[in-house]
């Protein structure tokens, strides 16, 4: 993997993480530190899964 591809992968995962984290914030009613940490962690896992799914569909 070259630098450009690595940078694009990091940007893609960060974009998924931000979008999924924002979606989680829409659905949660009370944001306390523990829920914020759990939401950020789960959004990170989901972002990695979304990247993997997109790569699988694209046939890379």
PDB file of N, CA and C in Angstrom:
ATOM      1  N   UNK A   1       0.842  -1.170   0.000  1.00  0.00           N
ATOM      2  CA  UNK A   1       0.000   0.000   0.000  1.00  0.00           C
ATOM      3  C   UNK A   1       0.894   1.242   0.000  1.00  0.00           C
ATOM      4  N   UNK A   2       0.658   2.127  -0.938  1.00  0.00           N
ATOM      5  CA  UNK A   2       1.463   3.332  -0.971  1.00  0.00           C
ATOM      6  C   UNK A   2       0.858   4.412  -0.073  1.00  0.00           C
ATOM      7  N   UNK A   3       1.547   5.546   0.030  1.00  0.00           N
ATOM      8  CA  UNK A   3       1.100   6.605   0.938  1.00  0.00           C
ATOM      9  C   UNK A   3      -0.258   7.171   0.567  1.00  0.00           C
ATOM     10  N   UNK A   4      -0.490   7.364  -0.722  1.00  0.00           N
ATOM     11  CA  UNK A   4      -1.759   7.957  -1.158  1.00  0.00           C
ATOM     12  C   UNK A   4      -2.929   7.044  -0.804  1.00  0.00           C
ATOM     13  N   UNK A   5      -2.762   5.771  -1.035  1.00  0.00           N
ATOM     14  CA  UNK A   5      -3.836   4.825  -0.732  1.00  0.00           C
ATOM     15  C   UNK A   5      -4.077   4.728   0.776  1.00  0.00           C
ATOM     16  N   UNK A   6      -3.000   4.787   1.543  1.00  0.00           N
ATOM     17  CA  UNK A   6      -3.130   4.765   3.004  1.00  0.00           C
ATOM     18  C   UNK A   6      -3.867   6.005   3.490  1.00  0.00           C
ATOM     19  N   UNK A   7      -3.505   7.168   2.949  1.00  0.00           N
ATOM     20  CA  UNK A   7      -4.162   8.404   3.340  1.00  0.00           C
ATOM     21  C   UNK A   7      -5.644   8.374   2.979  1.00  0.00           C
ATOM     22  N   UNK A   8      -5.971   7.871   1.803  1.00  0.00           N
ATOM     23  CA  UNK A   8      -7.374   7.769   1.401  1.00  0.00           C
ATOM     24  C   UNK A   8      -8.145   6.816   2.312  1.00  0.00           C
ATOM     25  N   UNK A   9      -7.505   5.731   2.727  1.00  0.00           N
ATOM     26  CA  UNK A   9      -8.162   4.784   3.638  1.00  0.00           C
ATOM     27  C   UNK A   9      -8.433   5.438   4.986  1.00  0.00           C
ATOM     28  N   UNK A  10      -7.470   6.188   5.492  1.00  0.00           N
ATOM     29  CA  UNK A  10      -7.647   6.863   6.784  1.00  0.00           C
ATOM     30  C   UNK A  10      -8.750   7.912   6.688  1.00  0.00           C
ATOM     31  N   UNK A  11      -8.769   8.663   5.602  1.00  0.00           N
ATOM     32  CA  UNK A  11      -9.801   9.683   5.415  1.00  0.00           C
ATOM     33  C   UNK A  11     -11.175   9.031   5.293  1.00  0.00           C
ATOM     34  N   UNK A  12     -11.256   7.922   4.573  1.00  0.00           N
ATOM     35  CA  UNK A  12     -12.541   7.233   4.426  1.00  0.00           C
ATOM     36  C   UNK A  12     -13.068   6.727   5.764  1.00  0.00           C
ATOM     37  N   UNK A  13     -12.208   6.106   6.549  1.00  0.00           N
ATOM     38  CA  UNK A  13     -12.635   5.597   7.855  1.00  0.00           C
ATOM     39  C   UNK A  13     -13.016   6.761   8.772  1.00  0.00           C
ATOM     40  N   UNK A  14     -12.267   7.849   8.726  1.00  0.00           N
ATOM     41  CA  UNK A  14     -12.596   9.015   9.555  1.00  0.00           C
ATOM     42  C   UNK A  14     -13.937   9.618   9.151  1.00  0.00           C
ATOM     43  N   UNK A  15     -14.209   9.652   7.855  1.00  0.00           N
ATOM     44  CA  UNK A  15     -15.489  10.191   7.387  1.00  0.00           C
ATOM     45  C   UNK A  15     -16.644   9.294   7.831  1.00  0.00           C
ATOM     46  N   UNK A  16     -16.466   7.988   7.698  1.00  0.00           N
ATOM     47  CA  UNK A  16     -17.501   7.055   8.173  1.00  0.00           C
ATOM     48  C   UNK A  16     -17.704   7.213   9.676  1.00  0.00           C
ATOM     49  N   UNK A  17     -16.597   7.333  10.417  1.00  0.00           N
ATOM     50  CA  UNK A  17     -16.676   7.454  11.864  1.00  0.00           C
ATOM     51  C   UNK A  17     -17.446   8.718  12.250  1.00  0.00           C
ATOM     52  N   UNK A  18     -17.145   9.828  11.596  1.00  0.00           N
ATOM     53  CA  UNK A  18     -17.830  11.086  11.904  1.00  0.00           C
ATOM     54  C   UNK A  18     -19.322  10.995  11.567  1.00  0.00           C
ATOM     55  N   UNK A  19     -19.636  10.418  10.419  1.00  0.00           N
ATOM     56  CA  UNK A  19     -21.042  10.309  10.010  1.00  0.00           C
ATOM     57  C   UNK A  19     -21.816   9.388  10.949  1.00  0.00           C
ATOM     58  N   UNK A  20     -21.235   8.248  11.277  1.00  0.00           N
ATOM     59  CA  UNK A  20     -21.928   7.309  12.162  1.00  0.00           C
ATOM     60  C   UNK A  20     -22.013   7.830  13.589  1.00  0.00           C
ATOM     61  N   UNK A  21     -20.984   8.548  14.026  1.00  0.00           N
ATOM     62  CA  UNK A  21     -21.036   9.163  15.352  1.00  0.00           C
ATOM     63  C   UNK A  21     -22.105  10.238  15.430  1.00  0.00           C
ATOM     64  N   UNK A  22     -22.232  11.039  14.382  1.00  0.00           N
ATOM     65  CA  UNK A  22     -23.274  12.066  14.344  1.00  0.00           C
ATOM     66  C   UNK A  22     -24.661  11.428  14.333  1.00  0.00           C
ATOM     67  N   UNK A  23     -24.802  10.337  13.591  1.00  0.00           N
ATOM     68  CA  UNK A  23     -26.085   9.637  13.573  1.00  0.00           C
ATOM     69  C   UNK A  23     -26.423   9.083  14.954  1.00  0.00           C
ATOM     70  N   UNK A  24     -25.438   8.564  15.641  1.00  0.00           N
ATOM     71  CA  UNK A  24     -25.662   8.058  16.995  1.00  0.00           C
ATOM     72  C   UNK A  24     -26.103   9.186  17.919  1.00  0.00           C
ATOM     73  N   UNK A  25     -25.492  10.366  17.786  1.00  0.00           N
ATOM     74  CA  UNK A  25     -25.869  11.495  18.630  1.00  0.00           C
ATOM     75  C   UNK A  25     -27.311  11.939  18.391  1.00  0.00           C
ATOM     76  N   UNK A  26     -27.793  11.738  17.166  1.00  0.00           N
ATOM     77  CA  UNK A  26     -29.181  12.086  16.872  1.00  0.00           C
ATOM     78  C   UNK A  26     -30.130  11.176  17.652  1.00  0.00           C
ATOM     79  N   UNK A  27     -29.779   9.918  17.798  1.00  0.00           N
ATOM     80  CA  UNK A  27     -30.671   8.948  18.428  1.00  0.00           C
ATOM     81  C   UNK A  27     -30.570   8.884  19.946  1.00  0.00           C
ATOM     82  N   UNK A  28     -29.481   9.326  20.525  1.00  0.00           N
ATOM     83  CA  UNK A  28     -29.327   9.231  21.977  1.00  0.00           C
ATOM     84  C   UNK A  28     -29.961  10.466  22.621  1.00  0.00           C
ATOM     85  N   UNK A  29     -30.546  10.279  23.798  1.00  0.00           N
ATOM     86  CA  UNK A  29     -31.238  11.396  24.444  1.00  0.00           C
ATOM     87  C   UNK A  29     -30.343  12.143  25.421  1.00  0.00           C
ATOM     88  N   UNK A  30     -29.603  11.411  26.246  1.00  0.00           N
ATOM     89  CA  UNK A  30     -28.725  12.038  27.227  1.00  0.00           C
ATOM     90  C   UNK A  30     -27.288  11.644  26.915  1.00  0.00           C
ATOM     91  N   UNK A  31     -26.433  12.642  26.763  1.00  0.00           N
ATOM     92  CA  UNK A  31     -25.031  12.355  26.427  1.00  0.00           C
ATOM     93  C   UNK A  31     -24.188  12.550  27.685  1.00  0.00           C
ATOM     94  N   UNK A  32     -23.785  11.459  28.306  1.00  0.00           N
ATOM     95  CA  UNK A  32     -22.837  11.531  29.396  1.00  0.00           C
ATOM     96  C   UNK A  32     -21.509  10.950  28.895  1.00  0.00           C
ATOM     97  N   UNK A  33     -20.423  11.125  29.627  1.00  0.00           N
ATOM     98  CA  UNK A  33     -19.114  10.701  29.124  1.00  0.00           C
ATOM     99  C   UNK A  33     -19.021   9.216  28.755  1.00  0.00           C
ATOM    100  N   UNK A  34     -19.657   8.356  29.546  1.00  0.00           N
ATOM    101  CA  UNK A  34     -19.596   6.926  29.243  1.00  0.00           C
ATOM    102  C   UNK A  34     -20.307   6.613  27.930  1.00  0.00           C
ATOM    103  N   UNK A  35     -21.487   7.185  27.739  1.00  0.00           N
ATOM    104  CA  UNK A  35     -22.215   6.945  26.492  1.00  0.00           C
ATOM    105  C   UNK A  35     -21.472   7.533  25.301  1.00  0.00           C
ATOM    106  N   UNK A  36     -20.828   8.655  25.495  1.00  0.00           N
ATOM    107  CA  UNK A  36     -20.042   9.265  24.421  1.00  0.00           C
ATOM    108  C   UNK A  36     -18.872   8.368  24.033  1.00  0.00           C
ATOM    109  N   UNK A  37     -18.205   7.788  25.020  1.00  0.00           N
ATOM    110  CA  UNK A  37     -17.085   6.883  24.747  1.00  0.00           C
ATOM    111  C   UNK A  37     -17.555   5.615  24.042  1.00  0.00           C
ATOM    112  N   UNK A  38     -18.659   5.052  24.500  1.00  0.00           N
ATOM    113  CA  UNK A  38     -19.195   3.845  23.869  1.00  0.00           C
ATOM    114  C   UNK A  38     -19.638   4.138  22.443  1.00  0.00           C
ATOM    115  N   UNK A  39     -20.309   5.259  22.247  1.00  0.00           N
ATOM    116  CA  UNK A  39     -20.749   5.640  20.907  1.00  0.00           C
ATOM    117  C   UNK A  39     -19.582   5.846  19.957  1.00  0.00           C
ATOM    118  N   UNK A  40     -18.512   6.492  20.434  1.00  0.00           N
ATOM    119  CA  UNK A  40     -17.336   6.713  19.596  1.00  0.00           C
ATOM    120  C   UNK A  40     -16.665   5.388  19.247  1.00  0.00           C
ATOM    121  N   UNK A  41     -16.597   4.482  20.212  1.00  0.00           N
ATOM    122  CA  UNK A  41     -15.988   3.175  19.949  1.00  0.00           C
ATOM    123  C   UNK A  41     -16.778   2.340  18.962  1.00  0.00           C
ATOM    124  N   UNK A  42     -18.077   2.306  19.152  1.00  0.00           N
ATOM    125  CA  UNK A  42     -18.932   1.531  18.248  1.00  0.00           C
ATOM    126  C   UNK A  42     -18.943   2.153  16.854  1.00  0.00           C
ATOM    127  N   UNK A  43     -18.919   3.473  16.775  1.00  0.00           N
ATOM    128  CA  UNK A  43     -18.852   4.142  15.470  1.00  0.00           C
ATOM    129  C   UNK A  43     -17.535   3.797  14.767  1.00  0.00           C
ATOM    130  N   UNK A  44     -16.457   3.661  15.528  1.00  0.00           N
ATOM    131  CA  UNK A  44     -15.175   3.273  14.941  1.00  0.00           C
ATOM    132  C   UNK A  44     -15.194   1.861  14.371  1.00  0.00           C
ATOM    133  N   UNK A  45     -15.778   0.951  15.121  1.00  0.00           N
ATOM    134  CA  UNK A  45     -15.896  -0.433  14.641  1.00  0.00           C
ATOM    135  C   UNK A  45     -16.777  -0.487  13.398  1.00  0.00           C
ATOM    136  N   UNK A  46     -17.887   0.246  13.432  1.00  0.00           N
ATOM    137  CA  UNK A  46     -18.797   0.273  12.281  1.00  0.00           C
ATOM    138  C   UNK A  46     -18.129   0.934  11.072  1.00  0.00           C
ATOM    139  N   UNK A  47     -17.289   1.933  11.307  1.00  0.00           N
ATOM    140  CA  UNK A  47     -16.571   2.587  10.208  1.00  0.00           C
ATOM    141  C   UNK A  47     -15.612   1.611   9.526  1.00  0.00           C
ATOM    142  N   UNK A  48     -14.925   0.809  10.310  1.00  0.00           N
ATOM    143  CA  UNK A  48     -14.037  -0.199   9.726  1.00  0.00           C
ATOM    144  C   UNK A  48     -14.823  -1.253   8.956  1.00  0.00           C
ATOM    145  N   UNK A  49     -15.981  -1.647   9.486  1.00  0.00           N
ATOM    146  CA  UNK A  49     -16.833  -2.611   8.785  1.00  0.00           C
ATOM    147  C   UNK A  49     -17.370  -2.014   7.483  1.00  0.00           C
ATOM    148  N   UNK A  50     -17.732  -0.733   7.509  1.00  0.00           N
ATOM    149  CA  UNK A  50     -18.236  -0.088   6.297  1.00  0.00           C
ATOM    150  C   UNK A  50     -17.152  -0.022   5.227  1.00  0.00           C
ATOM    151  N   UNK A  51     -15.927   0.269   5.623  1.00  0.00           N
ATOM    152  CA  UNK A  51     -14.827   0.287   4.651  1.00  0.00           C
ATOM    153  C   UNK A  51     -14.590  -1.108   4.081  1.00  0.00           C
ATOM    154  N   UNK A  52     -14.617  -2.109   4.942  1.00  0.00           N
ATOM    155  CA  UNK A  52     -14.439  -3.477   4.467  1.00  0.00           C
ATOM    156  C   UNK A  52     -15.545  -3.905   3.521  1.00  0.00           C
ATOM    157  N   UNK A  53     -16.771  -3.531   3.836  1.00  0.00           N
ATOM    158  CA  UNK A  53     -17.897  -3.880   2.970  1.00  0.00           C
ATOM    159  C   UNK A  53     -17.784  -3.170   1.621  1.00  0.00           C
ATOM    160  N   UNK A  54     -17.382  -1.908   1.642  1.00  0.00           N
ATOM    161  CA  UNK A  54     -17.235  -1.179   0.387  1.00  0.00           C
ATOM    162  C   UNK A  54     -16.125  -1.771  -0.469  1.00  0.00           C
ATOM    163  N   UNK A  55     -15.046  -2.182   0.166  1.00  0.00           N
ATOM    164  CA  UNK A  55     -13.963  -2.824  -0.593  1.00  0.00           C
ATOM    165  C   UNK A  55     -14.394  -4.158  -1.158  1.00  0.00           C
ATOM    166  N   UNK A  56     -15.202  -4.911  -0.407  1.00  0.00           N
ATOM    167  CA  UNK A  56     -15.686  -6.215  -0.882  1.00  0.00           C
ATOM    168  C   UNK A  56     -16.592  -6.049  -2.084  1.00  0.00           C
ATOM    169  N   UNK A  57     -17.445  -5.036  -2.048  1.00  0.00           N
ATOM    170  CA  UNK A  57     -18.360  -4.804  -3.171  1.00  0.00           C
ATOM    171  C   UNK A  57     -17.586  -4.325  -4.393  1.00  0.00           C
ATOM    172  N   UNK A  58     -16.554  -3.486  -4.158  1.00  0.00           N
ATOM    173  CA  UNK A  58     -15.773  -2.944  -5.275  1.00  0.00           C
ATOM    174  C   UNK A  58     -14.857  -4.001  -5.882  1.00  0.00           C
ATOM    175  N   UNK A  59     -14.592  -5.084  -5.169  1.00  0.00           N
ATOM    176  CA  UNK A  59     -13.758  -6.158  -5.692  1.00  0.00           C
ATOM    177  C   UNK A  59     -12.268  -5.898  -5.612  1.00  0.00           C
ATOM    178  N   UNK A  60     -11.833  -5.149  -4.584  1.00  0.00           N
ATOM    179  CA  UNK A  60     -10.408  -4.889  -4.418  1.00  0.00           C
ATOM    180  C   UNK A  60      -9.793  -6.060  -3.752  1.00  0.00           C
TER     181      UNK A  60
END
